[in-house]
């Protein structure tokens, strides 16, 4: 073997070692955006959607100390130690068609998304999802290339859903 062949062989072995088995996720899962301080909340996985969207209100663009565009916004109310205001650098500003097919101007940010034990960089559009059931919708662009397989017939495959308190199940058992 020549030196180039040995290096190529070693590079292939390193790439294979990094490849993880697919993680099967449901159409609803718990996720986190650790860089924004948004942890352990539900998201809808939508392979029909191209982009990923996060509920944000009072979105305000400003110029940061680095001279770049930043946004400040109120994130979804997750009911647990989530920040009142998030700040992130703008990665893009473009039009996106909403679920009703109407084009909207949106700011995009890049941040880490954590699904189960996997963490990877995604691009997220900021929009008011207040009328939607889930504060975040994860589209196929964010899923691509991270070894995630969506089982659309199930939910909460990475871990069980948190039980809701049910007054009927409380009390004396027979």
C-alpha atoms as a PDB file:
ATOM      1  CA  UNK A   1       0.000   0.000   0.000  1.00  0.00           C
ATOM      2  CA  UNK A   2       1.207   3.475  -0.802  1.00  0.00           C
ATOM      3  CA  UNK A   3       1.192   6.260   1.759  1.00  0.00           C
ATOM      4  CA  UNK A   4      -1.863   7.884   0.088  1.00  0.00           C
ATOM      5  CA  UNK A   5      -3.775   4.586   0.170  1.00  0.00           C
ATOM      6  CA  UNK A   6      -2.985   4.118   3.869  1.00  0.00           C
ATOM      7  CA  UNK A   7      -4.167   7.649   4.665  1.00  0.00           C
ATOM      8  CA  UNK A   8      -7.344   7.110   2.636  1.00  0.00           C
ATOM      9  CA  UNK A   9      -8.000   3.798   4.429  1.00  0.00           C
ATOM     10  CA  UNK A  10      -7.501   5.413   7.848  1.00  0.00           C
ATOM     11  CA  UNK A  11      -9.775   8.329   6.928  1.00  0.00           C
ATOM     12  CA  UNK A  12     -12.530   5.892   5.897  1.00  0.00           C
ATOM     13  CA  UNK A  13     -12.164   4.001   9.192  1.00  0.00           C
ATOM     14  CA  UNK A  14     -12.445   7.263  11.163  1.00  0.00           C
ATOM     15  CA  UNK A  15     -15.596   8.269   9.241  1.00  0.00           C
ATOM     16  CA  UNK A  16     -17.187   4.855   9.834  1.00  0.00           C
ATOM     17  CA  UNK A  17     -16.356   5.061  13.557  1.00  0.00           C
ATOM     18  CA  UNK A  18     -18.231   8.390  13.789  1.00  0.00           C
ATOM     19  CA  UNK A  19     -21.358   7.009  12.132  1.00  0.00           C
ATOM     20  CA  UNK A  20     -23.972   6.123  14.722  1.00  0.00           C
ATOM     21  CA  UNK A  21     -26.875   3.783  14.223  1.00  0.00           C
ATOM     22  CA  UNK A  22     -30.097   5.578  13.239  1.00  0.00           C
ATOM     23  CA  UNK A  23     -32.148   7.083  16.040  1.00  0.00           C
ATOM     24  CA  UNK A  24     -35.846   6.406  15.526  1.00  0.00           C
ATOM     25  CA  UNK A  25     -38.012   9.320  16.594  1.00  0.00           C
ATOM     26  CA  UNK A  26     -41.764   9.819  16.575  1.00  0.00           C
ATOM     27  CA  UNK A  27     -43.787  12.641  15.084  1.00  0.00           C
ATOM     28  CA  UNK A  28     -43.691  14.363  18.499  1.00  0.00           C
ATOM     29  CA  UNK A  29     -40.602  14.402  20.694  1.00  0.00           C
ATOM     30  CA  UNK A  30     -38.943  16.230  23.566  1.00  0.00           C
ATOM     31  CA  UNK A  31     -36.131  18.490  22.378  1.00  0.00           C
ATOM     32  CA  UNK A  32     -33.846  21.200  23.742  1.00  0.00           C
ATOM     33  CA  UNK A  33     -32.160  24.314  22.380  1.00  0.00           C
ATOM     34  CA  UNK A  34     -29.376  24.484  24.992  1.00  0.00           C
ATOM     35  CA  UNK A  35     -27.660  27.628  23.646  1.00  0.00           C
ATOM     36  CA  UNK A  36     -30.948  29.514  24.079  1.00  0.00           C
ATOM     37  CA  UNK A  37     -31.677  28.016  27.508  1.00  0.00           C
ATOM     38  CA  UNK A  38     -34.815  26.269  26.200  1.00  0.00           C
ATOM     39  CA  UNK A  39     -34.759  22.759  27.586  1.00  0.00           C
ATOM     40  CA  UNK A  40     -37.027  19.760  27.526  1.00  0.00           C
ATOM     41  CA  UNK A  41     -40.049  20.892  25.522  1.00  0.00           C
ATOM     42  CA  UNK A  42     -42.238  19.248  22.908  1.00  0.00           C
ATOM     43  CA  UNK A  43     -41.760  19.679  19.189  1.00  0.00           C
ATOM     44  CA  UNK A  44     -43.651  18.394  16.192  1.00  0.00           C
ATOM     45  CA  UNK A  45     -41.516  16.556  13.645  1.00  0.00           C
ATOM     46  CA  UNK A  46     -42.797  17.374  10.147  1.00  0.00           C
ATOM     47  CA  UNK A  47     -41.014  15.834   7.167  1.00  0.00           C
ATOM     48  CA  UNK A  48     -43.430  17.708   4.906  1.00  0.00           C
ATOM     49  CA  UNK A  49     -42.062  21.045   6.111  1.00  0.00           C
ATOM     50  CA  UNK A  50     -38.804  22.249   4.614  1.00  0.00           C
ATOM     51  CA  UNK A  51     -37.717  24.583   7.416  1.00  0.00           C
ATOM     52  CA  UNK A  52     -37.773  24.515  11.202  1.00  0.00           C
ATOM     53  CA  UNK A  53     -39.752  27.135  13.120  1.00  0.00           C
ATOM     54  CA  UNK A  54     -39.717  28.258  16.743  1.00  0.00           C
ATOM     55  CA  UNK A  55     -42.439  30.258  18.456  1.00  0.00           C
ATOM     56  CA  UNK A  56     -41.136  33.761  19.120  1.00  0.00           C
ATOM     57  CA  UNK A  57     -42.854  37.049  19.857  1.00  0.00           C
ATOM     58  CA  UNK A  58     -41.678  40.654  20.046  1.00  0.00           C
ATOM     59  CA  UNK A  59     -38.831  39.900  17.627  1.00  0.00           C
ATOM     60  CA  UNK A  60     -36.445  42.847  17.452  1.00  0.00           C
ATOM     61  CA  UNK A  61     -33.405  43.120  15.178  1.00  0.00           C
ATOM     62  CA  UNK A  62     -30.373  45.049  16.400  1.00  0.00           C
ATOM     63  CA  UNK A  63     -26.714  45.474  15.557  1.00  0.00           C
ATOM     64  CA  UNK A  64     -24.456  43.615  17.961  1.00  0.00           C
ATOM     65  CA  UNK A  65     -21.058  44.647  19.269  1.00  0.00           C
ATOM     66  CA  UNK A  66     -19.555  42.509  16.504  1.00  0.00           C
ATOM     67  CA  UNK A  67     -21.261  44.720  13.890  1.00  0.00           C
ATOM     68  CA  UNK A  68     -23.545  41.887  12.768  1.00  0.00           C
ATOM     69  CA  UNK A  69     -27.329  41.586  12.872  1.00  0.00           C
ATOM     70  CA  UNK A  70     -28.772  39.988  15.995  1.00  0.00           C
ATOM     71  CA  UNK A  71     -32.332  39.348  17.173  1.00  0.00           C
ATOM     72  CA  UNK A  72     -33.892  39.539  20.576  1.00  0.00           C
ATOM     73  CA  UNK A  73     -37.205  37.775  21.161  1.00  0.00           C
ATOM     74  CA  UNK A  74     -39.548  36.309  23.727  1.00  0.00           C
ATOM     75  CA  UNK A  75     -39.397  32.508  23.471  1.00  0.00           C
ATOM     76  CA  UNK A  76     -42.301  30.165  24.154  1.00  0.00           C
ATOM     77  CA  UNK A  77     -43.492  30.001  27.746  1.00  0.00           C
ATOM     78  CA  UNK A  78     -42.365  26.509  28.708  1.00  0.00           C
ATOM     79  CA  UNK A  79     -43.476  26.787  32.310  1.00  0.00           C
ATOM     80  CA  UNK A  80     -40.048  25.923  33.713  1.00  0.00           C
ATOM     81  CA  UNK A  81     -36.854  27.939  34.076  1.00  0.00           C
ATOM     82  CA  UNK A  82     -36.893  29.189  30.486  1.00  0.00           C
ATOM     83  CA  UNK A  83     -35.480  32.672  29.894  1.00  0.00           C
ATOM     84  CA  UNK A  84     -37.845  35.591  29.327  1.00  0.00           C
ATOM     85  CA  UNK A  85     -35.715  36.891  26.466  1.00  0.00           C
ATOM     86  CA  UNK A  86     -33.396  35.108  24.050  1.00  0.00           C
ATOM     87  CA  UNK A  87     -30.722  36.669  21.858  1.00  0.00           C
ATOM     88  CA  UNK A  88     -29.091  35.113  18.807  1.00  0.00           C
ATOM     89  CA  UNK A  89     -27.128  36.187  15.770  1.00  0.00           C
ATOM     90  CA  UNK A  90     -29.157  36.381  12.554  1.00  0.00           C
ATOM     91  CA  UNK A  91     -28.056  33.844   9.957  1.00  0.00           C
ATOM     92  CA  UNK A  92     -30.538  34.932   7.287  1.00  0.00           C
ATOM     93  CA  UNK A  93     -33.680  36.943   6.583  1.00  0.00           C
ATOM     94  CA  UNK A  94     -36.005  35.575   3.918  1.00  0.00           C
ATOM     95  CA  UNK A  95     -39.564  34.738   2.980  1.00  0.00           C
ATOM     96  CA  UNK A  96     -41.146  31.457   4.066  1.00  0.00           C
ATOM     97  CA  UNK A  97     -44.621  30.172   3.290  1.00  0.00           C
ATOM     98  CA  UNK A  98     -46.544  29.525   6.492  1.00  0.00           C
ATOM     99  CA  UNK A  99     -48.909  26.590   7.014  1.00  0.00           C
ATOM    100  CA  UNK A 100     -51.641  28.566   5.247  1.00  0.00           C
ATOM    101  CA  UNK A 101     -49.464  29.068   2.167  1.00  0.00           C
ATOM    102  CA  UNK A 102     -48.938  32.800   2.817  1.00  0.00           C
ATOM    103  CA  UNK A 103     -45.387  34.163   2.451  1.00  0.00           C
ATOM    104  CA  UNK A 104     -43.919  35.749   5.596  1.00  0.00           C
ATOM    105  CA  UNK A 105     -40.630  37.570   6.155  1.00  0.00           C
ATOM    106  CA  UNK A 106     -38.709  35.697   8.852  1.00  0.00           C
ATOM    107  CA  UNK A 107     -35.417  35.963  10.656  1.00  0.00           C
ATOM    108  CA  UNK A 108     -33.343  32.787  10.842  1.00  0.00           C
ATOM    109  CA  UNK A 109     -30.852  31.833  13.525  1.00  0.00           C
ATOM    110  CA  UNK A 110     -28.444  28.905  13.853  1.00  0.00           C
ATOM    111  CA  UNK A 111     -28.250  27.054  17.127  1.00  0.00           C
ATOM    112  CA  UNK A 112     -27.756  23.572  18.531  1.00  0.00           C
ATOM    113  CA  UNK A 113     -30.764  21.247  18.648  1.00  0.00           C
ATOM    114  CA  UNK A 114     -30.693  18.346  21.088  1.00  0.00           C
ATOM    115  CA  UNK A 115     -32.810  15.285  20.349  1.00  0.00           C
ATOM    116  CA  UNK A 116     -32.263  12.471  22.853  1.00  0.00           C
ATOM    117  CA  UNK A 117     -28.458  12.265  23.161  1.00  0.00           C
ATOM    118  CA  UNK A 118     -27.680  13.819  19.759  1.00  0.00           C
ATOM    119  CA  UNK A 119     -26.786  17.483  19.385  1.00  0.00           C
ATOM    120  CA  UNK A 120     -26.414  19.160  16.007  1.00  0.00           C
ATOM    121  CA  UNK A 121     -26.519  22.620  14.455  1.00  0.00           C
ATOM    122  CA  UNK A 122     -29.790  23.651  12.792  1.00  0.00           C
ATOM    123  CA  UNK A 123     -31.236  26.747  11.156  1.00  0.00           C
ATOM    124  CA  UNK A 124     -34.472  27.937  12.760  1.00  0.00           C
ATOM    125  CA  UNK A 125     -36.953  30.567  11.613  1.00  0.00           C
ATOM    126  CA  UNK A 126     -38.598  32.733  14.253  1.00  0.00           C
ATOM    127  CA  UNK A 127     -42.355  33.221  13.969  1.00  0.00           C
ATOM    128  CA  UNK A 128     -45.464  33.543  16.095  1.00  0.00           C
ATOM    129  CA  UNK A 129     -46.741  29.983  16.553  1.00  0.00           C
ATOM    130  CA  UNK A 130     -49.075  30.999  19.374  1.00  0.00           C
ATOM    131  CA  UNK A 131     -52.083  29.417  17.661  1.00  0.00           C
ATOM    132  CA  UNK A 132     -50.222  26.134  17.115  1.00  0.00           C
ATOM    133  CA  UNK A 133     -50.214  23.227  19.548  1.00  0.00           C
ATOM    134  CA  UNK A 134     -46.417  22.816  19.571  1.00  0.00           C
ATOM    135  CA  UNK A 135     -43.953  25.681  20.106  1.00  0.00           C
ATOM    136  CA  UNK A 136     -41.513  24.198  17.606  1.00  0.00           C
ATOM    137  CA  UNK A 137     -41.865  22.480  14.269  1.00  0.00           C
ATOM    138  CA  UNK A 138     -38.816  20.579  13.033  1.00  0.00           C
ATOM    139  CA  UNK A 139     -38.629  20.315   9.246  1.00  0.00           C
ATOM    140  CA  UNK A 140     -36.737  17.931   6.999  1.00  0.00           C
ATOM    141  CA  UNK A 141     -33.737  20.218   6.430  1.00  0.00           C
ATOM    142  CA  UNK A 142     -32.884  20.017  10.145  1.00  0.00           C
ATOM    143  CA  UNK A 143     -33.342  16.232  10.190  1.00  0.00           C
ATOM    144  CA  UNK A 144     -31.224  15.491   7.129  1.00  0.00           C
ATOM    145  CA  UNK A 145     -27.792  14.025   7.693  1.00  0.00           C
ATOM    146  CA  UNK A 146     -28.095  13.364  11.423  1.00  0.00           C
ATOM    147  CA  UNK A 147     -29.134   9.735  11.416  1.00  0.00           C
ATOM    148  CA  UNK A 148     -32.715  10.383  12.468  1.00  0.00           C
ATOM    149  CA  UNK A 149     -35.530   8.194  11.164  1.00  0.00           C
ATOM    150  CA  UNK A 150     -39.113   9.350  11.732  1.00  0.00           C
ATOM    151  CA  UNK A 151     -41.749   6.762  12.619  1.00  0.00           C
ATOM    152  CA  UNK A 152     -44.838   8.799  11.770  1.00  0.00           C
ATOM    153  CA  UNK A 153     -47.149   6.307  13.479  1.00  0.00           C
ATOM    154  CA  UNK A 154     -45.729   6.893  16.956  1.00  0.00           C
ATOM    155  CA  UNK A 155     -44.830   9.664  19.403  1.00  0.00           C
ATOM    156  CA  UNK A 156     -42.383  10.027  22.265  1.00  0.00           C
ATOM    157  CA  UNK A 157     -40.015   7.281  21.106  1.00  0.00           C
ATOM    158  CA  UNK A 158     -36.881   8.830  22.588  1.00  0.00           C
ATOM    159  CA  UNK A 159     -38.448   8.751  26.047  1.00  0.00           C
ATOM    160  CA  UNK A 160     -41.924   8.428  27.498  1.00  0.00           C
ATOM    161  CA  UNK A 161     -44.214  11.404  27.588  1.00  0.00           C
ATOM    162  CA  UNK A 162     -44.503  13.076  30.943  1.00  0.00           C
ATOM    163  CA  UNK A 163     -47.704  11.874  32.580  1.00  0.00           C
ATOM    164  CA  UNK A 164     -50.483  14.371  33.111  1.00  0.00           C
ATOM    165  CA  UNK A 165     -51.985  14.493  36.557  1.00  0.00           C
ATOM    166  CA  UNK A 166     -55.261  12.665  36.424  1.00  0.00           C
ATOM    167  CA  UNK A 167     -57.571  13.073  39.380  1.00  0.00           C
ATOM    168  CA  UNK A 168     -59.302   9.754  38.582  1.00  0.00           C
ATOM    169  CA  UNK A 169     -56.102   7.733  38.937  1.00  0.00           C
ATOM    170  CA  UNK A 170     -55.289   9.231  42.320  1.00  0.00           C
ATOM    171  CA  UNK A 171     -56.610   7.807  45.510  1.00  0.00           C
ATOM    172  CA  UNK A 172     -56.976   4.351  47.023  1.00  0.00           C
ATOM    173  CA  UNK A 173     -56.169   1.343  44.896  1.00  0.00           C
ATOM    174  CA  UNK A 174     -58.075  -1.879  45.274  1.00  0.00           C
END
